[in-house]
PDB file of N, CA and C in Angstrom:
ATOM      1  N   MET A   1     116.685  94.473 104.991  1.00  0.00           N
ATOM      2  CA  MET A   1     115.647  95.227 106.293  1.00  0.00           C
ATOM      3  C   MET A   1     114.679  94.250 105.718  1.00  0.00           C
ATOM      4  N   ASN A   2     113.260  93.698 106.212  1.00  0.00           N
ATOM      5  CA  ASN A   2     112.687  92.625 106.771  1.00  0.00           C
ATOM      6  C   ASN A   2     111.359  92.996 106.234  1.00  0.00           C
ATOM      7  N   PHE A   3     110.347  91.796 105.964  1.00  0.00           N
ATOM      8  CA  PHE A   3     109.115  92.847 105.587  1.00  0.00           C
ATOM      9  C   PHE A   3     108.479  93.728 106.409  1.00  0.00           C
ATOM     10  N   ASN A   4     108.017  93.829 107.606  1.00  0.00           N
ATOM     11  CA  ASN A   4     107.767  94.555 108.399  1.00  0.00           C
ATOM     12  C   ASN A   4     107.866  96.127 108.339  1.00  0.00           C
ATOM     13  N   GLU A   5     109.828  95.540 108.149  1.00  0.00           N
ATOM     14  CA  GLU A   5     110.358  97.019 108.218  1.00  0.00           C
ATOM     15  C   GLU A   5     110.027  98.184 106.544  1.00  0.00           C
ATOM     16  N   MET A   6     110.158  96.871 105.769  1.00  0.00           N
ATOM     17  CA  MET A   6     109.740  98.080 104.362  1.00  0.00           C
ATOM     18  C   MET A   6     107.737  98.123 104.357  1.00  0.00           C
ATOM     19  N   ARG A   7     106.593  97.287 105.149  1.00  0.00           N
ATOM     20  CA  ARG A   7     106.266  97.709 104.724  1.00  0.00           C
ATOM     21  C   ARG A   7     105.492  99.431 105.622  1.00  0.00           C
ATOM     22  N   ALA A   8     106.262  99.132 107.343  1.00  0.00           N
ATOM     23  CA  ALA A   8     105.792 100.227 107.580  1.00  0.00           C
ATOM     24  C   ALA A   8     107.124 101.688 106.902  1.00  0.00           C
ATOM     25  N   VAL A   9     107.645 101.818 106.202  1.00  0.00           N
ATOM     26  CA  VAL A   9     108.619 102.872 105.291  1.00  0.00           C
ATOM     27  C   VAL A   9     107.314 103.154 103.673  1.00  0.00           C
ATOM     28  N   ALA A  10     107.324 102.327 103.602  1.00  0.00           N
ATOM     29  CA  ALA A  10     106.563 102.014 102.452  1.00  0.00           C
ATOM     30  C   ALA A  10     104.699 102.739 103.102  1.00  0.00           C
ATOM     31  N   TRP A  11     104.844 102.596 104.320  1.00  0.00           N
ATOM     32  CA  TRP A  11     103.464 103.143 104.692  1.00  0.00           C
ATOM     33  C   TRP A  11     103.633 104.367 104.560  1.00  0.00           C
ATOM     34  N   ASN A  12     104.523 104.965 105.457  1.00  0.00           N
ATOM     35  CA  ASN A  12     104.738 106.270 106.023  1.00  0.00           C
ATOM     36  C   ASN A  12     104.854 106.980 104.958  1.00  0.00           C
ATOM     37  N   THR A  13     106.052 106.484 103.964  1.00  0.00           N
ATOM     38  CA  THR A  13     106.023 107.128 102.101  1.00  0.00           C
ATOM     39  C   THR A  13     104.938 107.267 101.774  1.00  0.00           C
ATOM     40  N   ILE A  14     103.762 106.465 101.958  1.00  0.00           N
ATOM     41  CA  ILE A  14     102.636 107.702 101.077  1.00  0.00           C
ATOM     42  C   ILE A  14     101.203 108.071 102.003  1.00  0.00           C
ATOM     43  N   VAL A  15     101.155 108.019 103.224  1.00  0.00           N
ATOM     44  CA  VAL A  15     100.878 108.534 103.894  1.00  0.00           C
ATOM     45  C   VAL A  15     101.510 110.657 103.888  1.00  0.00           C
ATOM     46  N   GLU A  16     103.070 110.259 104.344  1.00  0.00           N
ATOM     47  CA  GLU A  16     103.375 111.315 104.046  1.00  0.00           C
ATOM     48  C   GLU A  16     103.408 112.263 102.578  1.00  0.00           C
ATOM     49  N   ALA A  17     103.036 111.325 100.918  1.00  0.00           N
ATOM     50  CA  ALA A  17     102.492 112.347 100.491  1.00  0.00           C
ATOM     51  C   ALA A  17     101.691 112.867 100.349  1.00  0.00           C
ATOM     52  N   LEU A  18     100.274 112.200 101.357  1.00  0.00           N
ATOM     53  CA  LEU A  18      99.053 112.771 100.993  1.00  0.00           C
ATOM     54  C   LEU A  18      99.107 113.747 102.123  1.00  0.00           C
ATOM     55  N   GLY A  19     100.188 114.003 102.465  1.00  0.00           N
ATOM     56  CA  GLY A  19     100.467 114.990 103.193  1.00  0.00           C
ATOM     57  C   GLY A  19      99.379 115.375 104.527  1.00  0.00           C
ATOM     58  N   MET A  20      99.780 113.722 104.924  1.00  0.00           N
ATOM     59  CA  MET A  20      99.132 113.482 107.266  1.00  0.00           C
ATOM     60  C   MET A  20     100.880 113.573 107.615  1.00  0.00           C
ATOM     61  N   SER A  21     100.577 113.236 108.728  1.00  0.00           N
ATOM     62  CA  SER A  21     102.012 112.540 109.380  1.00  0.00           C
ATOM     63  C   SER A  21     101.112 111.522 109.767  1.00  0.00           C
ATOM     64  N   VAL A  22     102.671 110.682 110.443  1.00  0.00           N
ATOM     65  CA  VAL A  22     102.549 109.164 110.839  1.00  0.00           C
ATOM     66  C   VAL A  22     103.285 109.774 112.509  1.00  0.00           C
ATOM     67  N   ALA A  23     102.539 108.580 112.826  1.00  0.00           N
ATOM     68  CA  ALA A  23     103.273 108.370 114.217  1.00  0.00           C
ATOM     69  C   ALA A  23     104.318 107.060 114.704  1.00  0.00           C
ATOM     70  N   THR A  24     105.399 107.337 115.349  1.00  0.00           N
ATOM     71  CA  THR A  24     106.886 106.596 114.548  1.00  0.00           C
ATOM     72  C   THR A  24     106.966 105.442 115.670  1.00  0.00           C
ATOM     73  N   ASP A  25     104.958 105.078 116.110  1.00  0.00           N
ATOM     74  CA  ASP A  25     105.390 103.723 116.914  1.00  0.00           C
ATOM     75  C   ASP A  25     104.451 103.142 116.444  1.00  0.00           C
ATOM     76  N   ALA A  26     104.614 101.789 116.689  1.00  0.00           N
ATOM     77  CA  ALA A  26     104.151 100.328 115.990  1.00  0.00           C
ATOM     78  C   ALA A  26     103.089 100.636 115.148  1.00  0.00           C
ATOM     79  N   THR A  27     101.772 101.409 115.832  1.00  0.00           N
ATOM     80  CA  THR A  27     100.522 101.624 115.191  1.00  0.00           C
ATOM     81  C   THR A  27     100.205 102.309 114.252  1.00  0.00           C
ATOM     82  N   LEU A  28     100.844 102.856 113.094  1.00  0.00           N
ATOM     83  CA  LEU A  28     101.153 103.693 112.622  1.00  0.00           C
ATOM     84  C   LEU A  28     100.399 105.269 112.729  1.00  0.00           C
ATOM     85  N   LEU A  29      99.854 105.372 114.000  1.00  0.00           N
ATOM     86  CA  LEU A  29      98.716 106.515 113.855  1.00  0.00           C
ATOM     87  C   LEU A  29      98.341 106.997 112.451  1.00  0.00           C
ATOM     88  N   ILE A  30      97.300 107.665 112.197  1.00  0.00           N
ATOM     89  CA  ILE A  30      97.495 109.130 110.661  1.00  0.00           C
ATOM     90  C   ILE A  30      96.985 109.737 111.697  1.00  0.00           C
ATOM     91  N   GLN A  31      97.116 110.598 111.299  1.00  0.00           N
ATOM     92  CA  GLN A  31      96.658 112.655 112.145  1.00  0.00           C
ATOM     93  C   GLN A  31      96.903 113.425 110.634  1.00  0.00           C
ATOM     94  N   ALA A  32      94.981 113.816 111.218  1.00  0.00           N
ATOM     95  CA  ALA A  32      95.181 114.743 109.875  1.00  0.00           C
ATOM     96  C   ALA A  32      95.042 115.659 110.124  1.00  0.00           C
ATOM     97  N   LYS A  33      95.564 116.505 109.023  1.00  0.00           N
ATOM     98  CA  LYS A  33      96.020 117.522 109.054  1.00  0.00           C
ATOM     99  C   LYS A  33      95.149 118.539 109.079  1.00  0.00           C
ATOM    100  N   THR A  34      95.250 119.862 109.907  1.00  0.00           N
ATOM    101  CA  THR A  34      93.856 120.883 111.121  1.00  0.00           C
ATOM    102  C   THR A  34      94.089 122.292 110.269  1.00  0.00           C
ATOM    103  N   TYR A  35      93.098 122.355 109.865  1.00  0.00           N
ATOM    104  CA  TYR A  35      92.287 124.025 109.493  1.00  0.00           C
ATOM    105  C   TYR A  35      91.002 123.966 110.567  1.00  0.00           C
ATOM    106  N   THR A  36      91.247 125.696 110.388  1.00  0.00           N
ATOM    107  CA  THR A  36      90.030 126.470 111.070  1.00  0.00           C
ATOM    108  C   THR A  36      89.485 126.379 109.845  1.00  0.00           C
ATOM    109  N   VAL A  37      88.155 127.288 110.125  1.00  0.00           N
ATOM    110  CA  VAL A  37      87.139 126.733 109.414  1.00  0.00           C
ATOM    111  C   VAL A  37      87.543 128.794 108.415  1.00  0.00           C
ATOM    112  N   ALA A  38      87.646 129.222 109.202  1.00  0.00           N
ATOM    113  CA  ALA A  38      88.210 130.293 107.643  1.00  0.00           C
ATOM    114  C   ALA A  38      88.962 130.128 106.959  1.00  0.00           C
ATOM    115  N   THR A  39      90.113 128.704 107.247  1.00  0.00           N
ATOM    116  CA  THR A  39      91.081 128.133 106.402  1.00  0.00           C
ATOM    117  C   THR A  39      91.718 126.967 105.554  1.00  0.00           C
ATOM    118  N   LEU A  40      89.670 126.267 105.051  1.00  0.00           N
ATOM    119  CA  LEU A  40      89.708 125.726 104.907  1.00  0.00           C
ATOM    120  C   LEU A  40      89.970 125.557 103.589  1.00  0.00           C
ATOM    121  N   PRO A  41      90.793 124.689 102.206  1.00  0.00           N
ATOM    122  CA  PRO A  41      90.849 124.409 101.623  1.00  0.00           C
ATOM    123  C   PRO A  41      89.869 124.273 100.985  1.00  0.00           C
ATOM    124  N   THR A  42      89.387 124.359  99.149  1.00  0.00           N
ATOM    125  CA  THR A  42      88.488 124.061  98.556  1.00  0.00           C
ATOM    126  C   THR A  42      88.357 123.227  98.218  1.00  0.00           C
ATOM    127  N   ALA A  43      87.424 122.641  98.751  1.00  0.00           N
ATOM    128  CA  ALA A  43      86.320 121.409  98.769  1.00  0.00           C
ATOM    129  C   ALA A  43      87.037 120.180  97.348  1.00  0.00           C
ATOM    130  N   SER A  44      86.062 121.378  96.339  1.00  0.00           N
ATOM    131  CA  SER A  44      86.677 121.063  95.539  1.00  0.00           C
ATOM    132  C   SER A  44      87.813 120.028  94.411  1.00  0.00           C
ATOM    133  N   SER A  45      89.412 120.618  95.115  1.00  0.00           N
ATOM    134  CA  SER A  45      90.181 120.364  95.535  1.00  0.00           C
ATOM    135  C   SER A  45      90.404 119.512  95.744  1.00  0.00           C
ATOM    136  N   TYR A  46      90.208 118.628  96.678  1.00  0.00           N
ATOM    137  CA  TYR A  46      90.493 117.736  97.415  1.00  0.00           C
ATOM    138  C   TYR A  46      89.141 116.677  97.866  1.00  0.00           C
ATOM    139  N   PRO A  47      88.529 116.276  96.989  1.00  0.00           N
ATOM    140  CA  PRO A  47      87.796 115.016  96.777  1.00  0.00           C
ATOM    141  C   PRO A  47      87.366 113.845  97.801  1.00  0.00           C
ATOM    142  N   ARG A  48      87.162 113.543  98.367  1.00  0.00           N
ATOM    143  CA  ARG A  48      87.628 112.134  99.223  1.00  0.00           C
ATOM    144  C   ARG A  48      88.694 112.691 100.197  1.00  0.00           C
ATOM    145  N   GLY A  49      88.994 113.474 100.069  1.00  0.00           N
ATOM    146  CA  GLY A  49      89.687 114.587 101.427  1.00  0.00           C
ATOM    147  C   GLY A  49      89.118 114.712 102.645  1.00  0.00           C
ATOM    148  N   ILE A  50      90.018 113.999 103.800  1.00  0.00           N
ATOM    149  CA  ILE A  50      89.242 114.422 105.246  1.00  0.00           C
ATOM    150  C   ILE A  50      90.430 115.146 105.993  1.00  0.00           C
ATOM    151  N   ILE A  51      89.969 115.996 106.918  1.00  0.00           N
ATOM    152  CA  ILE A  51      90.794 117.207 107.695  1.00  0.00           C
ATOM    153  C   ILE A  51      90.111 117.071 109.082  1.00  0.00           C
ATOM    154  N   TYR A  52      90.888 117.893 109.780  1.00  0.00           N
ATOM    155  CA  TYR A  52      90.623 118.143 111.350  1.00  0.00           C
ATOM    156  C   TYR A  52      90.184 119.528 110.735  1.00  0.00           C
ATOM    157  N   VAL A  53      88.737 119.741 111.386  1.00  0.00           N
ATOM    158  CA  VAL A  53      88.492 121.210 111.276  1.00  0.00           C
ATOM    159  C   VAL A  53      88.620 121.777 112.867  1.00  0.00           C
ATOM    160  N   ALA A  54      89.147 122.452 114.151  1.00  0.00           N
ATOM    161  CA  ALA A  54      89.687 123.416 115.102  1.00  0.00           C
ATOM    162  C   ALA A  54      89.014 123.614 115.773  1.00  0.00           C
ATOM    163  N   ASN A  55      87.789 124.508 114.784  1.00  0.00           N
ATOM    164  CA  ASN A  55      87.574 125.468 115.564  1.00  0.00           C
ATOM    165  C   ASN A  55      85.845 125.660 114.902  1.00  0.00           C
ATOM    166  N   GLU A  56      84.957 124.369 114.432  1.00  0.00           N
ATOM    167  CA  GLU A  56      84.029 124.309 113.907  1.00  0.00           C
ATOM    168  C   GLU A  56      82.526 124.336 114.450  1.00  0.00           C
ATOM    169  N   ALA A  57      81.297 125.458 114.656  1.00  0.00           N
ATOM    170  CA  ALA A  57      80.053 125.777 114.810  1.00  0.00           C
ATOM    171  C   ALA A  57      80.071 124.523 116.524  1.00  0.00           C
ATOM    172  N   GLY A  58      79.853 123.270 115.906  1.00  0.00           N
ATOM    173  CA  GLY A  58      79.621 122.221 116.972  1.00  0.00           C
ATOM    174  C   GLY A  58      80.878 121.912 117.799  1.00  0.00           C
ATOM    175  N   GLY A  59      82.188 122.238 118.217  1.00  0.00           N
ATOM    176  CA  GLY A  59      83.497 121.243 118.488  1.00  0.00           C
ATOM    177  C   GLY A  59      84.410 121.098 117.212  1.00  0.00           C
ATOM    178  N   ALA A  60      85.986 120.616 117.803  1.00  0.00           N
ATOM    179  CA  ALA A  60      86.687 120.298 116.839  1.00  0.00           C
ATOM    180  C   ALA A  60      85.983 119.357 116.042  1.00  0.00           C
ATOM    181  N   VAL A  61      86.394 118.833 114.885  1.00  0.00           N
ATOM    182  CA  VAL A  61      85.606 117.657 114.258  1.00  0.00           C
ATOM    183  C   VAL A  61      86.525 117.465 112.965  1.00  0.00           C
ATOM    184  N   LEU A  62      85.746 115.560 112.825  1.00  0.00           N
ATOM    185  CA  LEU A  62      87.149 115.288 111.437  1.00  0.00           C
ATOM    186  C   LEU A  62      85.706 115.770 110.489  1.00  0.00           C
ATOM    187  N   ALA A  63      86.147 116.052 109.676  1.00  0.00           N
ATOM    188  CA  ALA A  63      85.245 116.079 108.430  1.00  0.00           C
ATOM    189  C   ALA A  63      86.391 115.821 106.580  1.00  0.00           C
ATOM    190  N   PHE A  64      84.825 115.449 105.927  1.00  0.00           N
ATOM    191  CA  PHE A  64      85.756 114.711 104.164  1.00  0.00           C
ATOM    192  C   PHE A  64      85.109 115.754 103.388  1.00  0.00           C
ATOM    193  N   SER A  65      85.630 115.621 102.372  1.00  0.00           N
ATOM    194  CA  SER A  65      84.680 116.748 100.858  1.00  0.00           C
ATOM    195  C   SER A  65      84.296 115.956 100.724  1.00  0.00           C
ATOM    196  N   ASP A  66      83.649 115.996 100.211  1.00  0.00           N
ATOM    197  CA  ASP A  66      82.287 115.603  98.889  1.00  0.00           C
ATOM    198  C   ASP A  66      82.482 116.273  97.183  1.00  0.00           C
ATOM    199  N   ALA A  67      83.354 116.499  97.066  1.00  0.00           N
ATOM    200  CA  ALA A  67      83.639 117.507  96.135  1.00  0.00           C
ATOM    201  C   ALA A  67      83.644 119.190  95.993  1.00  0.00           C
ATOM    202  N   THR A  68      82.218 119.010  97.253  1.00  0.00           N
ATOM    203  CA  THR A  68      81.739 120.587  96.729  1.00  0.00           C
ATOM    204  C   THR A  68      81.906 121.224  98.442  1.00  0.00           C
ATOM    205  N   ASN A  69      82.103 120.376  98.860  1.00  0.00           N
ATOM    206  CA  ASN A  69      81.675 121.334 100.069  1.00  0.00           C
ATOM    207  C   ASN A  69      82.541 120.026 101.085  1.00  0.00           C
ATOM    208  N   TRP A  70      82.965 120.843 102.656  1.00  0.00           N
ATOM    209  CA  TRP A  70      83.897 120.200 103.632  1.00  0.00           C
ATOM    210  C   TRP A  70      81.908 119.496 104.176  1.00  0.00           C
ATOM    211  N   ARG A  71      82.258 118.955 105.102  1.00  0.00           N
ATOM    212  CA  ARG A  71      80.694 118.036 105.855  1.00  0.00           C
ATOM    213  C   ARG A  71      81.914 116.948 107.215  1.00  0.00           C
ATOM    214  N   ARG A  72      81.382 116.990 108.156  1.00  0.00           N
ATOM    215  CA  ARG A  72      81.398 116.906 109.308  1.00  0.00           C
ATOM    216  C   ARG A  72      80.828 115.464 109.307  1.00  0.00           C
ATOM    217  N   VAL A  73      81.621 114.249 109.501  1.00  0.00           N
ATOM    218  CA  VAL A  73      81.221 112.716 109.491  1.00  0.00           C
ATOM    219  C   VAL A  73      80.882 112.721 111.099  1.00  0.00           C
ATOM    220  N   THR A  74      80.484 113.842 111.449  1.00  0.00           N
ATOM    221  CA  THR A  74      79.167 113.290 112.970  1.00  0.00           C
ATOM    222  C   THR A  74      78.024 112.836 112.839  1.00  0.00           C
ATOM    223  N   ASP A  75      77.596 113.811 111.576  1.00  0.00           N
ATOM    224  CA  ASP A  75      76.230 113.985 110.965  1.00  0.00           C
ATOM    225  C   ASP A  75      76.021 114.194 109.590  1.00  0.00           C
ATOM    226  N   ARG A  76      77.010 114.958 108.813  1.00  0.00           N
ATOM    227  CA  ARG A  76      77.237 114.983 107.660  1.00  0.00           C
ATOM    228  C   ARG A  76      76.583 116.557 106.462  1.00  0.00           C
ATOM    229  N   ALA A  77      77.157 117.362 107.926  1.00  0.00           N
ATOM    230  CA  ALA A  77      76.325 118.806 108.444  1.00  0.00           C
ATOM    231  C   ALA A  77      77.560 119.217 107.487  1.00  0.00           C
ATOM    232  N   ILE A  78      77.188 120.376 106.903  1.00  0.00           N
ATOM    233  CA  ILE A  78      78.508 121.403 106.023  1.00  0.00           C
ATOM    234  C   ILE A  78      78.778 122.164 106.948  1.00  0.00           C
ATOM    235  N   VAL A  79      80.487 121.923 107.304  1.00  0.00           N
ATOM    236  CA  VAL A  79      80.855 122.266 107.858  1.00  0.00           C
ATOM    237  C   VAL A  79      81.261 124.337 108.102  1.00  0.00           C
ATOM    238  N   SER A  80      80.682 124.637 109.163  1.00  0.00           N
ATOM    239  CA  SER A  80      80.021 126.306 109.070  1.00  0.00           C
ATOM    240  C   SER A  80      80.813 127.057 110.686  1.00  0.00           C
TER     241      SER A  80
END
């Protein structure tokens, strides 16, 4: 196994351990887990976590946990 193959295996292992999925092509695209507003996990359980909220009030958006609330990455407003 060459270095690039080992790096890809290590990256896939880390990303999968974080509950994310990875495309199999060379770009190693990361895909955040999808939630709806009604199914959001508790923000305090995932400090600095990143998720995709499919039905946010302003449209689908990535959100991050500030350890208290899930906030939209677009304007830092609390997901509603």
